[in-house]
N, C-alpha and C. Protein backbone atom coordinates (compact mmCIF):
# COMPACT_ATOMS: atom_id res chain seq x y z
N MET A 1 -136.46 -141.80 101.91
CA MET A 1 -137.19 -140.56 101.78
C MET A 1 -136.28 -139.51 101.17
N LYS A 2 -136.82 -138.77 100.24
CA LYS A 2 -136.04 -137.72 99.57
C LYS A 2 -136.69 -136.36 99.82
N THR A 3 -135.84 -135.36 99.81
CA THR A 3 -136.34 -134.00 100.06
C THR A 3 -137.08 -133.47 98.85
N LYS A 4 -137.96 -132.52 99.14
CA LYS A 4 -138.62 -131.74 98.10
C LYS A 4 -137.99 -130.35 98.14
N LYS A 5 -138.00 -129.66 97.04
CA LYS A 5 -137.46 -128.29 97.00
C LYS A 5 -138.21 -127.45 98.03
N THR A 6 -137.45 -126.91 98.96
CA THR A 6 -138.05 -126.15 100.07
C THR A 6 -137.18 -124.94 100.37
N VAL A 7 -137.82 -123.82 100.62
CA VAL A 7 -137.10 -122.62 101.05
C VAL A 7 -137.31 -122.48 102.56
N ILE A 8 -136.21 -122.35 103.28
CA ILE A 8 -136.31 -122.13 104.72
C ILE A 8 -135.84 -120.72 105.04
N LYS A 9 -136.46 -120.14 106.04
CA LYS A 9 -136.07 -118.80 106.50
C LYS A 9 -135.84 -118.87 107.99
N GLN A 10 -134.82 -118.15 108.43
CA GLN A 10 -134.45 -118.17 109.84
C GLN A 10 -133.86 -116.82 110.20
N LYS A 11 -134.24 -116.30 111.35
CA LYS A 11 -133.60 -115.08 111.84
C LYS A 11 -132.31 -115.47 112.54
N LEU A 12 -131.26 -114.75 112.20
CA LEU A 12 -129.95 -114.97 112.82
C LEU A 12 -129.57 -113.71 113.58
N ASN A 13 -128.98 -113.90 114.73
CA ASN A 13 -128.49 -112.78 115.54
C ASN A 13 -126.97 -112.82 115.56
N ILE A 14 -126.37 -111.66 115.35
CA ILE A 14 -124.92 -111.54 115.43
C ILE A 14 -124.60 -110.95 116.79
N TRP A 15 -123.80 -111.67 117.55
CA TRP A 15 -123.46 -111.28 118.92
C TRP A 15 -122.01 -110.87 119.03
N ALA A 16 -121.76 -109.82 119.78
CA ALA A 16 -120.41 -109.44 120.19
C ALA A 16 -120.22 -110.05 121.58
N ILE A 17 -119.28 -110.99 121.68
CA ILE A 17 -119.07 -111.72 122.93
C ILE A 17 -117.71 -111.34 123.50
N PRO A 18 -117.66 -110.98 124.78
CA PRO A 18 -116.39 -110.57 125.38
C PRO A 18 -115.36 -111.69 125.33
N GLN A 19 -114.13 -111.33 125.08
CA GLN A 19 -113.03 -112.30 125.13
C GLN A 19 -112.91 -112.83 126.56
N GLY A 20 -112.44 -114.05 126.67
CA GLY A 20 -112.21 -114.63 127.98
C GLY A 20 -110.94 -114.11 128.63
N THR A 21 -110.82 -114.36 129.90
CA THR A 21 -109.65 -113.91 130.66
C THR A 21 -108.36 -114.45 130.06
N TYR A 22 -108.35 -115.72 129.67
CA TYR A 22 -107.15 -116.33 129.10
C TYR A 22 -106.68 -115.56 127.87
N THR A 23 -107.61 -115.26 126.97
CA THR A 23 -107.25 -114.53 125.74
C THR A 23 -106.73 -113.15 126.07
N MET A 24 -107.41 -112.46 126.97
CA MET A 24 -107.00 -111.09 127.30
C MET A 24 -105.62 -111.06 127.96
N GLU A 25 -105.30 -112.08 128.77
CA GLU A 25 -104.00 -112.12 129.43
C GLU A 25 -102.88 -112.53 128.48
N ASN A 26 -103.19 -113.41 127.53
CA ASN A 26 -102.15 -113.96 126.67
C ASN A 26 -102.05 -113.30 125.30
N ASP A 27 -103.03 -112.50 124.95
CA ASP A 27 -103.02 -111.78 123.68
C ASP A 27 -103.53 -110.36 123.91
N PRO A 28 -102.66 -109.50 124.44
CA PRO A 28 -103.10 -108.15 124.79
C PRO A 28 -103.59 -107.33 123.59
N ASP A 29 -103.24 -107.74 122.37
CA ASP A 29 -103.69 -107.01 121.18
C ASP A 29 -105.04 -107.51 120.67
N ALA A 30 -105.58 -108.54 121.30
CA ALA A 30 -106.88 -109.07 120.86
C ALA A 30 -107.97 -108.03 121.10
N PRO A 31 -108.94 -107.95 120.19
CA PRO A 31 -110.05 -107.03 120.42
C PRO A 31 -110.85 -107.49 121.63
N PRO A 32 -111.56 -106.61 122.30
CA PRO A 32 -112.28 -107.00 123.51
C PRO A 32 -113.46 -107.94 123.25
N PHE A 33 -113.95 -107.98 122.01
CA PHE A 33 -115.08 -108.84 121.65
C PHE A 33 -114.73 -109.69 120.44
N TYR A 34 -115.36 -110.85 120.33
CA TYR A 34 -115.36 -111.62 119.09
C TYR A 34 -116.82 -111.80 118.68
N PHE A 35 -117.06 -112.15 117.44
CA PHE A 35 -118.43 -112.20 116.93
C PHE A 35 -118.86 -113.63 116.65
N GLU A 36 -120.13 -113.92 116.95
CA GLU A 36 -120.73 -115.22 116.65
C GLU A 36 -122.13 -115.01 116.12
N VAL A 37 -122.53 -115.91 115.24
CA VAL A 37 -123.90 -115.92 114.72
C VAL A 37 -124.65 -117.00 115.48
N LYS A 38 -125.82 -116.66 116.01
CA LYS A 38 -126.63 -117.61 116.76
C LYS A 38 -128.08 -117.48 116.33
N THR A 39 -128.81 -118.57 116.49
CA THR A 39 -130.23 -118.54 116.16
C THR A 39 -131.08 -118.29 117.40
N ASP A 40 -130.43 -118.24 118.56
CA ASP A 40 -131.17 -118.00 119.80
C ASP A 40 -130.42 -116.96 120.63
N MET A 41 -130.91 -116.71 121.81
CA MET A 41 -130.28 -115.71 122.68
C MET A 41 -128.94 -116.23 123.19
N CYS A 42 -128.03 -115.33 123.37
CA CYS A 42 -126.71 -115.65 123.90
C CYS A 42 -126.65 -115.07 125.31
N TRP A 43 -126.53 -115.94 126.29
CA TRP A 43 -126.62 -115.47 127.67
C TRP A 43 -125.25 -115.28 128.32
N ASN A 44 -124.19 -115.24 127.52
CA ASN A 44 -122.87 -114.95 128.10
C ASN A 44 -122.89 -113.59 128.74
N THR A 45 -122.28 -113.48 129.89
CA THR A 45 -122.21 -112.19 130.58
C THR A 45 -121.48 -111.18 129.71
N GLY A 46 -122.12 -110.09 129.47
CA GLY A 46 -121.52 -109.02 128.68
C GLY A 46 -121.74 -109.14 127.18
N ALA A 47 -122.40 -110.22 126.72
CA ALA A 47 -122.66 -110.38 125.28
C ALA A 47 -123.67 -109.33 124.83
N VAL A 48 -123.47 -108.84 123.60
CA VAL A 48 -124.32 -107.79 123.06
C VAL A 48 -124.86 -108.24 121.71
N ASN A 49 -126.20 -108.22 121.58
CA ASN A 49 -126.84 -108.54 120.30
C ASN A 49 -126.70 -107.31 119.41
N ILE A 50 -125.81 -107.38 118.42
CA ILE A 50 -125.52 -106.17 117.65
C ILE A 50 -126.28 -106.08 116.33
N HIS A 51 -126.80 -107.23 115.83
CA HIS A 51 -127.49 -107.16 114.54
C HIS A 51 -128.33 -108.41 114.35
N GLU A 52 -129.49 -108.22 113.73
CA GLU A 52 -130.35 -109.35 113.38
C GLU A 52 -130.55 -109.34 111.88
N VAL A 53 -130.47 -110.51 111.27
CA VAL A 53 -130.61 -110.61 109.83
C VAL A 53 -131.49 -111.83 109.51
N GLU A 54 -132.26 -111.72 108.45
CA GLU A 54 -133.08 -112.85 107.99
C GLU A 54 -132.25 -113.64 106.99
N PHE A 55 -132.11 -114.92 107.26
CA PHE A 55 -131.35 -115.83 106.40
C PHE A 55 -132.34 -116.69 105.63
N SER A 56 -132.07 -116.89 104.35
CA SER A 56 -132.94 -117.72 103.52
C SER A 56 -132.06 -118.66 102.71
N ALA A 57 -132.47 -119.93 102.66
CA ALA A 57 -131.73 -120.92 101.88
C ALA A 57 -132.72 -121.90 101.27
N GLU A 58 -132.29 -122.47 100.16
CA GLU A 58 -133.14 -123.44 99.48
C GLU A 58 -132.56 -124.84 99.66
N ILE A 59 -133.42 -125.75 100.12
CA ILE A 59 -133.04 -127.15 100.19
C ILE A 59 -133.40 -127.75 98.83
N PRO A 60 -132.41 -128.30 98.13
CA PRO A 60 -132.70 -128.84 96.81
C PRO A 60 -133.55 -130.11 96.87
N GLU A 61 -134.19 -130.39 95.79
CA GLU A 61 -135.01 -131.60 95.68
C GLU A 61 -134.11 -132.82 95.48
N GLY A 62 -134.51 -133.93 96.07
CA GLY A 62 -133.86 -135.20 95.77
C GLY A 62 -132.75 -135.64 96.71
N ILE A 63 -132.52 -134.94 97.80
CA ILE A 63 -131.50 -135.39 98.75
C ILE A 63 -132.06 -136.59 99.53
N ASP A 64 -131.30 -137.66 99.57
CA ASP A 64 -131.72 -138.88 100.27
C ASP A 64 -131.47 -138.68 101.77
N ILE A 65 -132.53 -138.48 102.53
CA ILE A 65 -132.40 -138.20 103.97
C ILE A 65 -131.85 -139.40 104.72
N THR A 66 -132.25 -140.61 104.33
CA THR A 66 -131.73 -141.81 105.00
C THR A 66 -130.22 -141.90 104.82
N TYR A 67 -129.74 -141.70 103.61
CA TYR A 67 -128.30 -141.72 103.35
C TYR A 67 -127.58 -140.65 104.18
N LYS A 68 -128.15 -139.44 104.20
CA LYS A 68 -127.54 -138.35 104.97
C LYS A 68 -127.54 -138.68 106.46
N ALA A 69 -128.59 -139.35 106.95
CA ALA A 69 -128.65 -139.74 108.36
C ALA A 69 -127.52 -140.72 108.68
N ILE A 70 -127.33 -141.70 107.80
CA ILE A 70 -126.25 -142.68 108.00
C ILE A 70 -124.90 -141.98 107.96
N GLU A 71 -124.72 -141.07 107.02
CA GLU A 71 -123.48 -140.31 106.90
C GLU A 71 -123.21 -139.50 108.19
N THR A 72 -124.25 -138.85 108.69
CA THR A 72 -124.14 -138.05 109.90
C THR A 72 -123.79 -138.91 111.11
N LEU A 73 -124.48 -140.04 111.25
CA LEU A 73 -124.22 -140.93 112.39
C LEU A 73 -122.83 -141.56 112.30
N THR A 74 -122.37 -141.86 111.10
CA THR A 74 -121.02 -142.41 110.93
C THR A 74 -119.98 -141.39 111.39
N GLU A 75 -120.18 -140.13 111.05
CA GLU A 75 -119.27 -139.07 111.49
C GLU A 75 -119.31 -138.92 113.01
N ALA A 76 -120.51 -138.97 113.58
CA ALA A 76 -120.65 -138.87 115.04
C ALA A 76 -119.93 -140.03 115.72
N LYS A 77 -120.05 -141.22 115.16
CA LYS A 77 -119.38 -142.41 115.70
C LYS A 77 -117.86 -142.22 115.69
N LYS A 78 -117.32 -141.70 114.58
CA LYS A 78 -115.88 -141.46 114.48
C LYS A 78 -115.40 -140.48 115.54
N ARG A 79 -116.20 -139.43 115.77
CA ARG A 79 -115.81 -138.43 116.78
C ARG A 79 -115.83 -139.02 118.19
N VAL A 80 -116.85 -139.82 118.49
CA VAL A 80 -116.94 -140.47 119.80
C VAL A 80 -115.77 -141.42 119.98
N GLN A 81 -115.44 -142.20 118.95
CA GLN A 81 -114.32 -143.13 119.04
C GLN A 81 -113.00 -142.39 119.23
N ALA A 82 -112.81 -141.28 118.54
CA ALA A 82 -111.58 -140.51 118.68
C ALA A 82 -111.46 -139.94 120.09
N GLU A 83 -112.55 -139.41 120.63
CA GLU A 83 -112.52 -138.87 121.99
C GLU A 83 -112.27 -139.98 123.00
N ALA A 84 -112.92 -141.13 122.82
CA ALA A 84 -112.69 -142.27 123.72
C ALA A 84 -111.23 -142.71 123.66
N HIS A 85 -110.66 -142.74 122.46
CA HIS A 85 -109.26 -143.12 122.32
C HIS A 85 -108.34 -142.14 123.06
N ARG A 86 -108.63 -140.84 122.94
CA ARG A 86 -107.82 -139.84 123.66
C ARG A 86 -107.92 -140.06 125.17
N GLN A 87 -109.12 -140.35 125.66
CA GLN A 87 -109.30 -140.58 127.09
C GLN A 87 -108.59 -141.84 127.54
N ILE A 88 -108.64 -142.91 126.73
CA ILE A 88 -107.96 -144.15 127.07
C ILE A 88 -106.45 -143.93 127.14
N VAL A 89 -105.90 -143.18 126.19
CA VAL A 89 -104.46 -142.88 126.21
C VAL A 89 -104.10 -142.13 127.49
N ASP A 90 -104.92 -141.15 127.88
CA ASP A 90 -104.66 -140.40 129.12
C ASP A 90 -104.71 -141.32 130.34
N ILE A 91 -105.68 -142.21 130.39
CA ILE A 91 -105.81 -143.15 131.52
C ILE A 91 -104.62 -144.10 131.55
N GLU A 92 -104.20 -144.58 130.39
CA GLU A 92 -103.04 -145.48 130.33
C GLU A 92 -101.78 -144.78 130.82
N LYS A 93 -101.63 -143.50 130.49
CA LYS A 93 -100.47 -142.74 130.99
C LYS A 93 -100.52 -142.64 132.51
N MET A 94 -101.71 -142.38 133.08
CA MET A 94 -101.83 -142.30 134.53
C MET A 94 -101.49 -143.65 135.18
N ILE A 95 -101.97 -144.74 134.58
CA ILE A 95 -101.66 -146.07 135.11
C ILE A 95 -100.16 -146.32 135.05
N ASN A 96 -99.54 -146.01 133.93
CA ASN A 96 -98.09 -146.22 133.79
C ASN A 96 -97.31 -145.38 134.79
N ASN A 97 -97.73 -144.15 135.00
CA ASN A 97 -97.05 -143.30 135.97
C ASN A 97 -97.17 -143.88 137.38
N LEU A 98 -98.32 -144.42 137.72
CA LEU A 98 -98.50 -145.04 139.04
C LEU A 98 -97.64 -146.29 139.18
N MET A 99 -97.48 -147.03 138.11
CA MET A 99 -96.69 -148.27 138.16
C MET A 99 -95.21 -147.97 138.39
N TYR A 100 -94.77 -146.77 138.02
CA TYR A 100 -93.37 -146.40 138.20
C TYR A 100 -93.08 -145.89 139.61
N LEU A 101 -94.13 -145.60 140.37
CA LEU A 101 -93.91 -145.16 141.75
C LEU A 101 -93.30 -146.29 142.56
N GLU A 102 -92.39 -145.96 143.41
CA GLU A 102 -91.79 -146.97 144.27
C GLU A 102 -92.38 -146.88 145.65
N HIS A 103 -92.58 -148.04 146.25
CA HIS A 103 -93.08 -148.08 147.61
C HIS A 103 -91.89 -148.29 148.54
N ASP A 104 -91.72 -147.45 149.53
CA ASP A 104 -90.57 -147.53 150.44
C ASP A 104 -91.02 -148.19 151.75
N ASP A 105 -90.50 -149.39 152.02
CA ASP A 105 -90.85 -150.12 153.24
C ASP A 105 -90.00 -149.73 154.42
N ASP A 106 -89.04 -148.84 154.27
CA ASP A 106 -88.14 -148.48 155.35
C ASP A 106 -88.88 -147.77 156.49
N ASP A 107 -90.07 -147.24 156.22
CA ASP A 107 -90.83 -146.54 157.26
C ASP A 107 -91.38 -147.50 158.30
N ASN A 108 -91.61 -148.77 157.93
CA ASN A 108 -92.26 -149.74 158.80
C ASN A 108 -93.61 -149.22 159.25
N GLY A 109 -94.35 -148.64 158.32
CA GLY A 109 -95.70 -148.19 158.62
C GLY A 109 -95.78 -146.84 159.28
N ARG A 110 -94.67 -146.15 159.45
CA ARG A 110 -94.72 -144.83 160.10
C ARG A 110 -94.94 -143.74 159.14
């Protein structure tokens, strides 16, 4: 399936979101807010909707949606594999650390 030339319109909200405690403690020169664009409401405590803008973009004709779906899923697979690998490395470190612990029998169960 291929796309047809289509114009999409979406309202975007620009939010001022308060910096987290970590940022405020470790970067005293950081501004009190950072900005994010969202298509829905931002329910962070203290977030302020400062501006709404209408966004318009054209989807070009002829994009192969099946190919793009495969491309997207391949990228998702790579990310899942990378995260799983990071978790496996962390678990292996925990196992190795436990294997280095020594058991002291001098207590005789006390």
